[in-house]
Amino acid sequence: MGNQVFTVDVDDIINELVEETQRSIRFTVANTLMACVKAGTEAYIANTPVWTGETLSNFFWSMGTPSSNSVQFDAKWWDPEYPVAPGEFDAEARFEALSIRRDVFSNPYRTLYLVNNVEYEDNQNFDDLDSGSLTGYSYMITEEIESAVLGVLDRVR
């Protein structure tokens, strides 16, 4: 009986291990980003005042470049013929946040943006609402979102 010779291609084994590690890291990064999206979304839902739903409807998550999307105000929300269901804007905001999922998992190594492109009368915008210029009351929505996202990142570390 002859000797059996086993050969091992170390380069192939190393390449497979590297690829598996990269997939695992990518999946972990993507899951962490989605946890940040969820926490940020819950923070802006909880802290954004809703009169017409215009502000809440104008939060958009995006990857790579800031979104320029905006939802134009629909006057029907002021019309008693069209009552707004409790939590309607909350549900829309959560659904919109889920739309980023494909981008996050396809390439999580890009910058994640959350923008609000709402436009109020007299060239006022989200920053004016957040700081209190519109209502006389500071909502500090931006700080609450940042705190929620940083909380997720602290738990991951």
Foldseek 3Di string as FASTA:
>chain_A
DDDDDDDDDVVVVVVVVVVVVVLVVLVVLLVLVLQLLVLLLVLLVVQPDDDQLQQLLQKAKEWADDDPDHDDGDCCSVPPVDDDDVCNSSVNSVVRSCVCSVVCSVGVPTDMDIDGAGADPPRDGPVCQCCCVVPVDHSVSVVSSVVRSVVSVVVVD
